[in-house]
N, C-alpha and C. Protein backbone atom coordinates (compact mmCIF):
# COMPACT_ATOMS: atom_id res chain seq x y z
N MET A 1 80.77 101.89 109.08
CA MET A 1 81.79 101.53 108.14
C MET A 1 81.48 100.15 107.58
N THR A 2 81.70 99.97 106.30
CA THR A 2 81.57 98.67 105.67
C THR A 2 82.82 98.39 104.86
N ALA A 3 83.14 97.12 104.70
CA ALA A 3 84.30 96.72 103.91
C ALA A 3 84.05 95.33 103.35
N ASP A 4 84.61 95.06 102.20
CA ASP A 4 84.53 93.74 101.62
C ASP A 4 85.56 92.84 102.27
N PHE A 5 85.29 91.56 102.32
CA PHE A 5 86.26 90.65 102.88
C PHE A 5 87.27 90.22 101.83
N ALA A 6 88.51 90.01 102.27
CA ALA A 6 89.59 89.64 101.36
C ALA A 6 89.63 88.14 101.13
N VAL A 7 89.38 87.36 102.18
CA VAL A 7 89.47 85.91 102.10
C VAL A 7 88.35 85.30 102.94
N ALA A 8 87.72 84.26 102.43
CA ALA A 8 86.75 83.48 103.21
C ALA A 8 87.19 82.03 103.12
N ARG A 9 87.20 81.35 104.26
CA ARG A 9 87.60 79.94 104.24
C ARG A 9 86.86 79.19 105.33
N GLU A 10 86.62 77.92 105.06
CA GLU A 10 85.97 77.03 106.03
C GLU A 10 87.03 76.41 106.93
N ASN A 11 86.67 76.20 108.17
CA ASN A 11 87.51 75.43 109.09
C ASN A 11 86.58 74.51 109.88
N PRO A 12 87.10 73.65 110.73
CA PRO A 12 86.23 72.71 111.45
C PRO A 12 85.19 73.38 112.34
N TYR A 13 85.37 74.66 112.65
CA TYR A 13 84.48 75.35 113.58
C TYR A 13 83.47 76.27 112.92
N GLY A 14 83.66 76.57 111.63
CA GLY A 14 82.75 77.47 110.94
C GLY A 14 83.42 78.12 109.74
N LYS A 15 82.95 79.29 109.37
CA LYS A 15 83.47 80.03 108.23
C LYS A 15 84.20 81.26 108.72
N ARG A 16 85.43 81.47 108.26
CA ARG A 16 86.28 82.57 108.72
C ARG A 16 86.48 83.57 107.58
N PHE A 17 86.47 84.86 107.94
CA PHE A 17 86.60 85.94 106.98
C PHE A 17 87.74 86.87 107.38
N ASP A 18 88.64 87.17 106.44
CA ASP A 18 89.70 88.16 106.65
C ASP A 18 89.25 89.45 105.99
N ILE A 19 89.29 90.54 106.74
CA ILE A 19 88.85 91.84 106.24
C ILE A 19 89.98 92.84 106.38
N ARG A 20 90.26 93.58 105.30
CA ARG A 20 91.24 94.67 105.34
C ARG A 20 90.51 95.95 104.97
N ALA A 21 90.71 96.98 105.78
CA ALA A 21 90.03 98.25 105.55
C ALA A 21 90.79 99.38 106.24
N THR A 22 90.37 100.61 105.99
CA THR A 22 90.96 101.75 106.67
C THR A 22 90.02 102.20 107.78
N LEU A 23 90.61 102.80 108.79
CA LEU A 23 89.87 103.27 109.95
C LEU A 23 90.35 104.67 110.27
N ALA A 24 89.43 105.61 110.45
CA ALA A 24 89.79 106.99 110.79
C ALA A 24 89.95 107.10 112.31
N THR A 25 91.07 107.67 112.74
CA THR A 25 91.32 107.89 114.16
C THR A 25 90.65 109.20 114.59
N PRO A 26 90.52 109.45 115.89
CA PRO A 26 89.94 110.72 116.35
C PRO A 26 90.69 111.95 115.83
N SER A 27 92.00 111.83 115.57
CA SER A 27 92.77 112.97 115.07
C SER A 27 92.62 113.14 113.56
N GLY A 28 91.89 112.23 112.91
CA GLY A 28 91.69 112.34 111.47
C GLY A 28 92.66 111.50 110.66
N ARG A 29 93.64 110.93 111.31
CA ARG A 29 94.59 110.05 110.61
C ARG A 29 93.89 108.75 110.22
N ARG A 30 94.25 108.20 109.08
CA ARG A 30 93.64 106.95 108.62
C ARG A 30 94.68 105.83 108.71
N ILE A 31 94.28 104.71 109.27
CA ILE A 31 95.18 103.57 109.37
C ILE A 31 94.55 102.36 108.68
N LEU A 32 95.39 101.53 108.12
CA LEU A 32 94.95 100.28 107.51
C LEU A 32 94.98 99.20 108.58
N PHE A 33 93.92 98.42 108.67
CA PHE A 33 93.90 97.33 109.64
C PHE A 33 93.41 96.06 108.98
N GLN A 34 93.69 94.96 109.62
CA GLN A 34 93.18 93.66 109.20
C GLN A 34 92.45 93.04 110.38
N SER A 35 91.29 92.49 110.12
CA SER A 35 90.55 91.79 111.16
C SER A 35 90.12 90.43 110.66
N VAL A 36 89.93 89.52 111.59
CA VAL A 36 89.47 88.17 111.26
C VAL A 36 88.19 87.92 112.05
N TRP A 37 87.16 87.53 111.34
CA TRP A 37 85.85 87.24 111.93
C TRP A 37 85.49 85.80 111.61
N GLN A 38 84.68 85.19 112.48
CA GLN A 38 84.24 83.82 112.24
C GLN A 38 82.76 83.69 112.56
N ILE A 39 82.05 82.97 111.70
CA ILE A 39 80.68 82.57 111.97
C ILE A 39 80.73 81.10 112.34
N ASP A 40 80.51 80.80 113.60
CA ASP A 40 80.60 79.43 114.09
C ASP A 40 79.47 78.58 113.52
N LYS A 41 79.76 77.28 113.35
CA LYS A 41 78.73 76.36 112.88
C LYS A 41 77.55 76.38 113.85
N GLY A 42 76.35 76.38 113.29
CA GLY A 42 75.16 76.39 114.12
C GLY A 42 74.68 77.77 114.50
N THR A 43 75.41 78.83 114.09
CA THR A 43 75.00 80.21 114.37
C THR A 43 75.03 81.02 113.09
N ASP A 44 74.51 82.21 113.16
CA ASP A 44 74.62 83.14 112.03
C ASP A 44 75.17 84.48 112.49
N VAL A 45 75.82 84.48 113.67
CA VAL A 45 76.36 85.70 114.26
C VAL A 45 77.88 85.71 114.13
N PRO A 46 78.44 86.70 113.45
CA PRO A 46 79.91 86.76 113.36
C PRO A 46 80.52 87.19 114.68
N ARG A 47 81.70 86.64 114.97
CA ARG A 47 82.43 87.07 116.18
C ARG A 47 83.85 87.44 115.79
N LEU A 48 84.37 88.43 116.47
CA LEU A 48 85.72 88.95 116.19
C LEU A 48 86.75 87.99 116.77
N ILE A 49 87.72 87.58 115.94
CA ILE A 49 88.82 86.74 116.37
C ILE A 49 90.02 87.62 116.73
N THR A 50 90.41 88.52 115.82
CA THR A 50 91.54 89.42 116.07
C THR A 50 91.44 90.64 115.16
N LEU A 51 92.12 91.71 115.55
CA LEU A 51 92.20 92.93 114.76
C LEU A 51 93.55 93.56 115.04
N TYR A 52 94.28 93.93 113.97
CA TYR A 52 95.59 94.55 114.16
C TYR A 52 95.89 95.49 113.01
N PRO A 53 96.75 96.51 113.26
CA PRO A 53 97.12 97.45 112.20
C PRO A 53 98.05 96.77 111.21
N ARG A 54 98.00 97.22 109.97
CA ARG A 54 98.87 96.67 108.92
C ARG A 54 99.97 97.63 108.61
């Protein structure tokens, strides 16, 4: 799955990205979720901060 990010912003620790997308459940139902990822300064690896349904 791929999705575009809704918001990108800098903070003292790195660059943070808000992503909103749909996710298919095992039963076939689709839910909208929001996740926040951050690329810490000095790295190029994104890490998950939080994910929740919308």
